Amino acid sequence: MMHQLLHIVWNPEIEAFSIFGITIRYYSILFVTGLILAYWVISKLYKDQKIPYEKFNSLFIYCLLGIVVGARLGHCLFYEPSYWLSHPLEMILPVKFTDGGIKWTGYQGLASHGGTIGLLLSLWFYARKMKLNYLSVLDNIAIATPIAACFIRLGNLMNGEIVGKLSNVPWAFIFPREGMEPRHPAQLYEAIAYLIIFVIGLSLYKKYKTSLLPGFYFGYCLTTIFVFRFFVEFIKASQEAYEDSMMLNMGQWLSIPFILIGAHFMYHSFKPAKNK
């Protein structure tokens, strides 16, 4: 009974306000806030590294397009390919076509793995155009990425989505849209973890910024985020029914390559020190 009293009923309004008939959700506000904070951190890193401002100016557009397009396509192709491939316009446009007409939905469904792939591709084009070292660009982005990921997961919390499995831990949340059973607040676990990863990564940069080869912070970000993502999936409810029959869910299978890539870059960033 005491545990039940401690459970948090989490059912906030998901809509912040409407403008010109378009509803803005808290998720969208938190998503953009996370990107702006990450952008601010990267601007400080560019300044510290004496990279000309004109090379930084267009970075936000590359990042935003890469993340949003990649995350959207990733969700559609990784989790619900049969529906989205038969409704390609809904995959591209933030609307749903119904018998009653066109309904504004926003981009409901964004996959972090797809967003990561999209970001990597867009940054490759950016580095090539600006004539910057690709790994150095990835390092700067990687240092700031966890703070953006933190705010995105807080947005998921506001939406009451990507919920955890049933649990009786004292801090469990009840998400009425998913039923009245208490669940792990998996979104909050991830938000806290990503904040810690950000603080540690920034501290490592300040201490070792001149002693590691390019690629370390990129590897650190991939490894820590996706290792945590792999394990937290064990207490998250499946996003799609077909995942219930899988040994590992889709999020875990998609995390494994990122963990291996991250470990590879971290290992090779220490190689000069090992050769001395």
C-alpha atoms as a PDB file:
ATOM      1  CA  MET A   1       0.000   0.000   0.000  1.00  0.00           C
ATOM      2  CA  MET A   2       2.850   2.342   0.864  1.00  0.00           C
ATOM      3  CA  HIS A   3       4.455   1.684  -2.521  1.00  0.00           C
ATOM      4  CA  GLN A   4       1.189   2.483  -4.265  1.00  0.00           C
ATOM      5  CA  LEU A   5       1.056   5.855  -2.521  1.00  0.00           C
ATOM      6  CA  LEU A   6       4.553   6.670  -3.763  1.00  0.00           C
ATOM      7  CA  HIS A   7       3.734   5.945  -7.397  1.00  0.00           C
ATOM      8  CA  ILE A   8       3.498   9.038  -9.574  1.00  0.00           C
ATOM      9  CA  VAL A   9       0.482   9.397 -11.833  1.00  0.00           C
ATOM     10  CA  TRP A  10       2.018  10.993 -14.912  1.00  0.00           C
ATOM     11  CA  ASN A  11      -0.609  12.430 -17.210  1.00  0.00           C
ATOM     12  CA  PRO A  12       0.337  16.007 -18.172  1.00  0.00           C
ATOM     13  CA  GLU A  13      -1.094  17.853 -21.128  1.00  0.00           C
ATOM     14  CA  ILE A  14       1.065  17.030 -24.114  1.00  0.00           C
ATOM     15  CA  GLU A  15       0.080  20.208 -25.985  1.00  0.00           C
ATOM     16  CA  ALA A  16       1.752  23.441 -24.924  1.00  0.00           C
ATOM     17  CA  PHE A  17      -0.142  25.877 -27.161  1.00  0.00           C
ATOM     18  CA  SER A  18      -1.600  26.371 -30.626  1.00  0.00           C
ATOM     19  CA  ILE A  19      -0.628  28.963 -33.213  1.00  0.00           C
ATOM     20  CA  PHE A  20      -2.466  29.481 -36.500  1.00  0.00           C
ATOM     21  CA  GLY A  21      -4.267  26.199 -35.936  1.00  0.00           C
ATOM     22  CA  ILE A  22      -1.037  24.239 -35.484  1.00  0.00           C
ATOM     23  CA  THR A  23      -0.575  22.595 -32.097  1.00  0.00           C
ATOM     24  CA  ILE A  24       2.870  22.777 -30.517  1.00  0.00           C
ATOM     25  CA  ARG A  25       3.683  19.979 -28.107  1.00  0.00           C
ATOM     26  CA  TYR A  26       6.013  20.033 -25.129  1.00  0.00           C
ATOM     27  CA  TYR A  27       7.967  17.306 -26.919  1.00  0.00           C
ATOM     28  CA  SER A  28       8.718  19.697 -29.776  1.00  0.00           C
ATOM     29  CA  ILE A  29       9.776  22.449 -27.370  1.00  0.00           C
ATOM     30  CA  LEU A  30      12.095  20.116 -25.461  1.00  0.00           C
ATOM     31  CA  PHE A  31      13.482  18.650 -28.700  1.00  0.00           C
ATOM     32  CA  VAL A  32      14.390  22.100 -30.004  1.00  0.00           C
ATOM     33  CA  THR A  33      15.703  23.198 -26.596  1.00  0.00           C
ATOM     34  CA  GLY A  34      18.049  20.212 -26.542  1.00  0.00           C
ATOM     35  CA  LEU A  35      19.359  21.028 -30.007  1.00  0.00           C
ATOM     36  CA  ILE A  36      19.893  24.697 -29.101  1.00  0.00           C
ATOM     37  CA  LEU A  37      21.832  23.770 -25.937  1.00  0.00           C
ATOM     38  CA  ALA A  38      23.971  21.316 -27.907  1.00  0.00           C
ATOM     39  CA  TYR A  39      24.559  24.006 -30.541  1.00  0.00           C
ATOM     40  CA  TRP A  40      25.674  26.445 -27.828  1.00  0.00           C
ATOM     41  CA  VAL A  41      28.121  23.883 -26.393  1.00  0.00           C
ATOM     42  CA  ILE A  42      29.558  23.228 -29.851  1.00  0.00           C
ATOM     43  CA  SER A  43      29.974  26.977 -30.442  1.00  0.00           C
ATOM     44  CA  LYS A  44      32.133  27.123 -27.296  1.00  0.00           C
ATOM     45  CA  LEU A  45      34.192  24.156 -28.504  1.00  0.00           C
ATOM     46  CA  TYR A  46      34.740  25.805 -31.911  1.00  0.00           C
ATOM     47  CA  LYS A  47      35.836  28.990 -30.192  1.00  0.00           C
ATOM     48  CA  ASP A  48      38.190  27.061 -27.908  1.00  0.00           C
ATOM     49  CA  GLN A  49      39.699  25.306 -30.942  1.00  0.00           C
ATOM     50  CA  LYS A  50      39.951  28.592 -32.857  1.00  0.00           C
ATOM     51  CA  ILE A  51      37.848  27.312 -35.745  1.00  0.00           C
ATOM     52  CA  PRO A  52      36.594  30.290 -37.825  1.00  0.00           C
ATOM     53  CA  TYR A  53      32.994  31.277 -37.113  1.00  0.00           C
ATOM     54  CA  GLU A  54      32.017  31.071 -40.779  1.00  0.00           C
ATOM     55  CA  LYS A  55      32.694  27.322 -40.657  1.00  0.00           C
ATOM     56  CA  PHE A  56      30.375  27.028 -37.665  1.00  0.00           C
ATOM     57  CA  ASN A  57      27.566  29.163 -39.048  1.00  0.00           C
ATOM     58  CA  SER A  58      25.789  26.492 -41.104  1.00  0.00           C
ATOM     59  CA  LEU A  59      26.415  23.567 -38.756  1.00  0.00           C
ATOM     60  CA  PHE A  60      23.008  23.776 -37.079  1.00  0.00           C
ATOM     61  CA  ILE A  61      21.146  23.309 -40.373  1.00  0.00           C
ATOM     62  CA  TYR A  62      23.206  20.230 -41.257  1.00  0.00           C
ATOM     63  CA  CYS A  63      22.626  18.746 -37.786  1.00  0.00           C
ATOM     64  CA  LEU A  64      18.908  19.512 -37.705  1.00  0.00           C
ATOM     65  CA  LEU A  65      18.233  18.058 -41.144  1.00  0.00           C
ATOM     66  CA  GLY A  66      20.380  15.000 -40.485  1.00  0.00           C
ATOM     67  CA  ILE A  67      18.770  14.230 -37.121  1.00  0.00           C
ATOM     68  CA  VAL A  68      15.133  14.861 -38.069  1.00  0.00           C
ATOM     69  CA  VAL A  69      15.233  13.163 -41.477  1.00  0.00           C
ATOM     70  CA  GLY A  70      17.293  10.246 -40.186  1.00  0.00           C
ATOM     71  CA  ALA A  71      15.193   9.782 -37.042  1.00  0.00           C
ATOM     72  CA  ARG A  72      11.961   9.905 -39.015  1.00  0.00           C
ATOM     73  CA  LEU A  73      13.073   7.486 -41.715  1.00  0.00           C
ATOM     74  CA  GLY A  74      14.649   5.264 -39.076  1.00  0.00           C
ATOM     75  CA  HIS A  75      11.379   4.940 -37.169  1.00  0.00           C
ATOM     76  CA  CYS A  76       9.388   4.238 -40.310  1.00  0.00           C
ATOM     77  CA  LEU A  77      11.809   1.694 -41.764  1.00  0.00           C
ATOM     78  CA  PHE A  78      13.003  -0.027 -38.582  1.00  0.00           C
ATOM     79  CA  TYR A  79       9.717  -0.314 -36.691  1.00  0.00           C
ATOM     80  CA  GLU A  80       6.732  -0.104 -39.070  1.00  0.00           C
ATOM     81  CA  PRO A  81       8.028  -0.604 -42.622  1.00  0.00           C
ATOM     82  CA  SER A  82       4.868  -2.225 -44.011  1.00  0.00           C
ATOM     83  CA  TYR A  83       2.620   0.695 -43.014  1.00  0.00           C
ATOM     84  CA  TRP A  84       4.940   3.543 -43.930  1.00  0.00           C
ATOM     85  CA  LEU A  85       6.069   2.116 -47.250  1.00  0.00           C
ATOM     86  CA  SER A  86       2.400   1.917 -48.223  1.00  0.00           C
ATOM     87  CA  HIS A  87       1.850   5.507 -47.013  1.00  0.00           C
ATOM     88  CA  PRO A  88       5.042   7.228 -48.247  1.00  0.00           C
ATOM     89  CA  LEU A  89       3.632  10.779 -48.070  1.00  0.00           C
ATOM     90  CA  GLU A  90       2.840  10.337 -44.381  1.00  0.00           C
ATOM     91  CA  MET A  91       6.425   9.212 -43.887  1.00  0.00           C
ATOM     92  CA  ILE A  92       7.706  12.488 -45.354  1.00  0.00           C
ATOM     93  CA  LEU A  93       5.018  14.982 -44.341  1.00  0.00           C
ATOM     94  CA  PRO A  94       3.857  15.660 -40.740  1.00  0.00           C
ATOM     95  CA  VAL A  95       0.233  14.836 -41.620  1.00  0.00           C
ATOM     96  CA  LYS A  96      -2.131  11.877 -41.777  1.00  0.00           C
ATOM     97  CA  PHE A  97      -4.558  11.308 -44.630  1.00  0.00           C
ATOM     98  CA  THR A  98      -7.954  10.209 -43.320  1.00  0.00           C
ATOM     99  CA  ASP A  99     -11.452   9.859 -44.765  1.00  0.00           C
ATOM    100  CA  GLY A 100     -12.245  13.231 -43.188  1.00  0.00           C
ATOM    101  CA  GLY A 101      -9.332  14.944 -44.899  1.00  0.00           C
ATOM    102  CA  ILE A 102      -5.773  15.842 -43.964  1.00  0.00           C
ATOM    103  CA  LYS A 103      -4.943  15.863 -40.255  1.00  0.00           C
ATOM    104  CA  TRP A 104      -1.861  17.599 -38.833  1.00  0.00           C
ATOM    105  CA  THR A 105      -0.023  15.107 -36.607  1.00  0.00           C
ATOM    106  CA  GLY A 106       3.549  16.387 -36.440  1.00  0.00           C
ATOM    107  CA  TYR A 107       6.362  13.881 -36.736  1.00  0.00           C
ATOM    108  CA  GLN A 108       5.105  11.217 -34.343  1.00  0.00           C
ATOM    109  CA  GLY A 109       7.744   8.548 -34.335  1.00  0.00           C
ATOM    110  CA  LEU A 110      11.454   9.366 -34.312  1.00  0.00           C
ATOM    111  CA  ALA A 111      14.135   6.690 -33.856  1.00  0.00           C
ATOM    112  CA  SER A 112      17.408   7.653 -32.184  1.00  0.00           C
ATOM    113  CA  HIS A 113      19.350   5.069 -34.197  1.00  0.00           C
ATOM    114  CA  GLY A 114      18.074   6.560 -37.447  1.00  0.00           C
ATOM    115  CA  GLY A 115      18.824  10.048 -36.164  1.00  0.00           C
ATOM    116  CA  THR A 116      22.407   8.992 -35.429  1.00  0.00           C
ATOM    117  CA  ILE A 117      22.875   7.600 -38.942  1.00  0.00           C
ATOM    118  CA  GLY A 118      21.338  10.725 -40.487  1.00  0.00           C
ATOM    119  CA  LEU A 119      23.583  12.960 -38.391  1.00  0.00           C
ATOM    120  CA  LEU A 120      26.726  11.052 -39.385  1.00  0.00           C
ATOM    121  CA  LEU A 121      25.872  11.400 -43.073  1.00  0.00           C
ATOM    122  CA  SER A 122      24.989  15.084 -42.872  1.00  0.00           C
ATOM    123  CA  LEU A 123      28.195  15.845 -40.956  1.00  0.00           C
ATOM    124  CA  TRP A 124      30.252  14.081 -43.611  1.00  0.00           C
ATOM    125  CA  PHE A 125      28.857  16.513 -46.198  1.00  0.00           C
ATOM    126  CA  TYR A 126      29.436  19.412 -43.797  1.00  0.00           C
ATOM    127  CA  ALA A 127      33.073  18.469 -43.067  1.00  0.00           C
ATOM    128  CA  ARG A 128      33.784  17.997 -46.757  1.00  0.00           C
ATOM    129  CA  LYS A 129      32.310  21.363 -47.703  1.00  0.00           C
ATOM    130  CA  MET A 130      34.042  23.238 -44.880  1.00  0.00           C
ATOM    131  CA  LYS A 131      37.335  21.373 -45.365  1.00  0.00           C
ATOM    132  CA  LEU A 132      37.458  20.206 -41.751  1.00  0.00           C
ATOM    133  CA  ASN A 133      38.686  16.925 -40.311  1.00  0.00           C
ATOM    134  CA  TYR A 134      35.622  14.660 -40.224  1.00  0.00           C
ATOM    135  CA  LEU A 135      36.576  12.946 -36.957  1.00  0.00           C
ATOM    136  CA  SER A 136      37.243  16.282 -35.266  1.00  0.00           C
ATOM    137  CA  VAL A 137      33.785  17.453 -36.324  1.00  0.00           C
ATOM    138  CA  LEU A 138      32.270  14.235 -34.962  1.00  0.00           C
ATOM    139  CA  ASP A 139      34.141  14.704 -31.672  1.00  0.00           C
ATOM    140  CA  ASN A 140      32.682  18.173 -31.161  1.00  0.00           C
ATOM    141  CA  ILE A 141      29.185  16.975 -31.978  1.00  0.00           C
ATOM    142  CA  ALA A 142      29.617  13.923 -29.745  1.00  0.00           C
ATOM    143  CA  ILE A 143      30.555  15.994 -26.701  1.00  0.00           C
ATOM    144  CA  ALA A 144      27.313  17.969 -27.023  1.00  0.00           C
ATOM    145  CA  THR A 145      24.995  15.188 -28.248  1.00  0.00           C
ATOM    146  CA  PRO A 146      24.130  13.691 -24.820  1.00  0.00           C
ATOM    147  CA  ILE A 147      22.580  16.956 -23.595  1.00  0.00           C
ATOM    148  CA  ALA A 148      20.313  16.991 -26.649  1.00  0.00           C
ATOM    149  CA  ALA A 149      19.460  13.317 -26.056  1.00  0.00           C
ATOM    150  CA  CYS A 150      18.584  14.159 -22.443  1.00  0.00           C
ATOM    151  CA  PHE A 151      16.009  16.769 -23.490  1.00  0.00           C
ATOM    152  CA  ILE A 152      14.567  14.518 -26.193  1.00  0.00           C
ATOM    153  CA  ARG A 153      13.916  11.815 -23.608  1.00  0.00           C
ATOM    154  CA  LEU A 154      12.288  14.411 -21.341  1.00  0.00           C
ATOM    155  CA  GLY A 155      10.064  15.174 -24.323  1.00  0.00           C
ATOM    156  CA  ASN A 156       9.181  11.481 -24.544  1.00  0.00           C
ATOM    157  CA  LEU A 157       8.310  11.628 -20.845  1.00  0.00           C
ATOM    158  CA  MET A 158       5.970  14.568 -21.454  1.00  0.00           C
ATOM    159  CA  ASN A 159       4.305  12.555 -24.222  1.00  0.00           C
ATOM    160  CA  GLY A 160       3.970   9.517 -21.954  1.00  0.00           C
ATOM    161  CA  GLU A 161       5.614   7.389 -24.649  1.00  0.00           C
ATOM    162  CA  ILE A 162       8.448   4.851 -24.760  1.00  0.00           C
ATOM    163  CA  VAL A 163       7.330   3.676 -21.330  1.00  0.00           C
ATOM    164  CA  GLY A 164       8.948   1.060 -19.139  1.00  0.00           C
ATOM    165  CA  LYS A 165       7.662  -2.363 -18.217  1.00  0.00           C
ATOM    166  CA  LEU A 166       5.359  -2.967 -15.263  1.00  0.00           C
ATOM    167  CA  SER A 167       7.126  -2.456 -11.945  1.00  0.00           C
ATOM    168  CA  ASN A 168       6.437  -2.017  -8.245  1.00  0.00           C
ATOM    169  CA  VAL A 169       9.516   0.070  -7.463  1.00  0.00           C
ATOM    170  CA  PRO A 170       8.548   2.994  -5.194  1.00  0.00           C
ATOM    171  CA  TRP A 171       9.405   5.558  -7.888  1.00  0.00           C
ATOM    172  CA  ALA A 172       7.299   3.891 -10.587  1.00  0.00           C
ATOM    173  CA  PHE A 173       5.140   6.100 -12.803  1.00  0.00           C
ATOM    174  CA  ILE A 174       1.571   5.415 -13.840  1.00  0.00           C
ATOM    175  CA  PHE A 175       0.985   6.440 -17.456  1.00  0.00           C
ATOM    176  CA  PRO A 176      -2.828   6.520 -17.816  1.00  0.00           C
ATOM    177  CA  ARG A 177      -2.635   6.319 -21.616  1.00  0.00           C
ATOM    178  CA  GLU A 178      -0.910   2.950 -21.179  1.00  0.00           C
ATOM    179  CA  GLY A 179      -3.134   1.734 -18.350  1.00  0.00           C
ATOM    180  CA  MET A 180      -3.184   2.267 -14.596  1.00  0.00           C
ATOM    181  CA  GLU A 181      -0.405  -0.168 -13.728  1.00  0.00           C
ATOM    182  CA  PRO A 182       2.838   1.332 -12.370  1.00  0.00           C
ATOM    183  CA  ARG A 183       5.814   1.194 -14.743  1.00  0.00           C
ATOM    184  CA  HIS A 184       9.487   2.005 -14.828  1.00  0.00           C
ATOM    185  CA  PRO A 185       9.953   5.649 -15.942  1.00  0.00           C
ATOM    186  CA  ALA A 186      12.430   4.483 -18.585  1.00  0.00           C
ATOM    187  CA  GLN A 187      12.479   7.874 -20.306  1.00  0.00           C
ATOM    188  CA  LEU A 188      13.633   9.488 -17.058  1.00  0.00           C
ATOM    189  CA  TYR A 189      16.339   6.854 -16.556  1.00  0.00           C
ATOM    190  CA  GLU A 190      17.682   7.642 -20.021  1.00  0.00           C
ATOM    191  CA  ALA A 191      17.486  11.419 -19.532  1.00  0.00           C
ATOM    192  CA  ILE A 192      19.487  11.186 -16.290  1.00  0.00           C
ATOM    193  CA  ALA A 193      22.043   8.819 -17.847  1.00  0.00           C
ATOM    194  CA  TYR A 194      22.570  11.092 -20.852  1.00  0.00           C
ATOM    195  CA  LEU A 195      23.045  14.104 -18.590  1.00  0.00           C
ATOM    196  CA  ILE A 196      25.745  12.216 -16.659  1.00  0.00           C
ATOM    197  CA  ILE A 197      27.398  11.098 -19.920  1.00  0.00           C
ATOM    198  CA  PHE A 198      27.431  14.732 -21.064  1.00  0.00           C
ATOM    199  CA  VAL A 199      29.036  16.022 -17.852  1.00  0.00           C
ATOM    200  CA  ILE A 200      31.709  13.289 -17.919  1.00  0.00           C
ATOM    201  CA  GLY A 201      32.436  13.811 -21.632  1.00  0.00           C
ATOM    202  CA  LEU A 202      32.836  17.564 -21.218  1.00  0.00           C
ATOM    203  CA  SER A 203      35.123  17.027 -18.217  1.00  0.00           C
ATOM    204  CA  LEU A 204      37.265  14.575 -20.209  1.00  0.00           C
ATOM    205  CA  TYR A 205      37.562  17.104 -23.030  1.00  0.00           C
ATOM    206  CA  LYS A 206      38.742  19.849 -20.682  1.00  0.00           C
ATOM    207  CA  LYS A 207      41.381  17.551 -19.193  1.00  0.00           C
ATOM    208  CA  TYR A 208      42.583  15.583 -22.242  1.00  0.00           C
ATOM    209  CA  LYS A 209      41.718  17.709 -25.272  1.00  0.00           C
ATOM    210  CA  THR A 210      45.301  17.777 -26.570  1.00  0.00           C
ATOM    211  CA  SER A 211      46.414  14.261 -25.653  1.00  0.00           C
ATOM    212  CA  LEU A 212      44.028  12.051 -27.641  1.00  0.00           C
ATOM    213  CA  LEU A 213      43.679  11.398 -31.328  1.00  0.00           C
ATOM    214  CA  PRO A 214      40.519  12.625 -33.105  1.00  0.00           C
ATOM    215  CA  GLY A 215      37.728  10.121 -32.686  1.00  0.00           C
ATOM    216  CA  PHE A 216      37.895   9.508 -28.941  1.00  0.00           C
ATOM    217  CA  TYR A 217      34.875  11.606 -27.966  1.00  0.00           C
ATOM    218  CA  PHE A 218      32.908  10.261 -30.910  1.00  0.00           C
ATOM    219  CA  GLY A 219      33.704   6.747 -29.697  1.00  0.00           C
ATOM    220  CA  TYR A 220      32.952   7.656 -26.093  1.00  0.00           C
ATOM    221  CA  CYS A 221      29.545   9.057 -27.024  1.00  0.00           C
ATOM    222  CA  LEU A 222      28.526   6.068 -29.135  1.00  0.00           C
ATOM    223  CA  THR A 223      29.762   3.516 -26.627  1.00  0.00           C
ATOM    224  CA  THR A 224      28.282   5.009 -23.470  1.00  0.00           C
ATOM    225  CA  ILE A 225      24.928   6.026 -24.933  1.00  0.00           C
ATOM    226  CA  PHE A 226      24.272   2.785 -26.759  1.00  0.00           C
ATOM    227  CA  VAL A 227      25.576   0.523 -23.981  1.00  0.00           C
ATOM    228  CA  PHE A 228      23.108   2.200 -21.653  1.00  0.00           C
ATOM    229  CA  ARG A 229      20.436   2.051 -24.352  1.00  0.00           C
ATOM    230  CA  PHE A 230      21.078  -1.691 -24.780  1.00  0.00           C
ATOM    231  CA  PHE A 231      20.566  -2.467 -21.090  1.00  0.00           C
ATOM    232  CA  VAL A 232      17.686  -0.076 -20.430  1.00  0.00           C
ATOM    233  CA  GLU A 233      15.734  -1.831 -23.201  1.00  0.00           C
ATOM    234  CA  PHE A 234      15.348  -4.808 -20.869  1.00  0.00           C
ATOM    235  CA  ILE A 235      12.980  -2.753 -18.710  1.00  0.00           C
ATOM    236  CA  LYS A 236      11.206  -0.907 -21.536  1.00  0.00           C
ATOM    237  CA  ALA A 237       7.917  -2.018 -23.037  1.00  0.00           C
ATOM    238  CA  SER A 238       8.159  -3.150 -26.660  1.00  0.00           C
ATOM    239  CA  GLN A 239       7.377  -0.415 -29.154  1.00  0.00           C
ATOM    240  CA  GLU A 240       5.933  -2.905 -31.642  1.00  0.00           C
ATOM    241  CA  ALA A 241       4.147  -6.208 -30.963  1.00  0.00           C
ATOM    242  CA  TYR A 242       6.499  -8.256 -33.134  1.00  0.00           C
ATOM    243  CA  GLU A 243       9.387  -7.402 -30.786  1.00  0.00           C
ATOM    244  CA  ASP A 244       7.842  -9.570 -28.056  1.00  0.00           C
ATOM    245  CA  SER A 245       8.934 -12.708 -29.907  1.00  0.00           C
ATOM    246  CA  MET A 246      12.511 -11.501 -30.446  1.00  0.00           C
ATOM    247  CA  MET A 247      15.488 -12.579 -28.302  1.00  0.00           C
ATOM    248  CA  LEU A 248      16.575  -8.923 -28.263  1.00  0.00           C
ATOM    249  CA  ASN A 249      14.308  -6.080 -29.303  1.00  0.00           C
ATOM    250  CA  MET A 250      14.923  -3.836 -32.292  1.00  0.00           C
ATOM    251  CA  GLY A 251      16.535  -1.092 -30.206  1.00  0.00           C
ATOM    252  CA  GLN A 252      19.065  -3.569 -28.802  1.00  0.00           C
ATOM    253  CA  TRP A 253      19.971  -5.087 -32.165  1.00  0.00           C
ATOM    254  CA  LEU A 254      20.457  -1.616 -33.608  1.00  0.00           C
ATOM    255  CA  SER A 255      22.604  -0.564 -30.635  1.00  0.00           C
ATOM    256  CA  ILE A 256      25.186  -3.335 -31.052  1.00  0.00           C
ATOM    257  CA  PRO A 257      26.856  -1.941 -34.223  1.00  0.00           C
ATOM    258  CA  PHE A 258      27.104   1.525 -32.655  1.00  0.00           C
ATOM    259  CA  ILE A 259      28.735   0.062 -29.526  1.00  0.00           C
ATOM    260  CA  LEU A 260      31.312  -1.798 -31.633  1.00  0.00           C
ATOM    261  CA  ILE A 261      32.052   1.278 -33.756  1.00  0.00           C
ATOM    262  CA  GLY A 262      32.396   3.439 -30.645  1.00  0.00           C
ATOM    263  CA  ALA A 263      34.736   0.956 -28.950  1.00  0.00           C
ATOM    264  CA  HIS A 264      36.856   0.831 -32.117  1.00  0.00           C
ATOM    265  CA  PHE A 265      37.363   4.602 -32.164  1.00  0.00           C
ATOM    266  CA  MET A 266      38.062   4.813 -28.435  1.00  0.00           C
ATOM    267  CA  TYR A 267      40.672   2.046 -28.697  1.00  0.00           C
ATOM    268  CA  HIS A 268      42.503   3.619 -31.623  1.00  0.00           C
ATOM    269  CA  SER A 269      42.541   7.074 -29.994  1.00  0.00           C
ATOM    270  CA  PHE A 270      44.856   5.604 -27.331  1.00  0.00           C
ATOM    271  CA  LYS A 271      47.157   3.836 -29.773  1.00  0.00           C
ATOM    272  CA  PRO A 272      49.964   6.476 -29.822  1.00  0.00           C
ATOM    273  CA  ALA A 273      50.231   6.292 -26.046  1.00  0.00           C
ATOM    274  CA  LYS A 274      50.552   2.491 -26.241  1.00  0.00           C
ATOM    275  CA  ASN A 275      53.324   2.705 -28.821  1.00  0.00           C
ATOM    276  CA  LYS A 276      55.558   4.933 -26.708  1.00  0.00           C
END
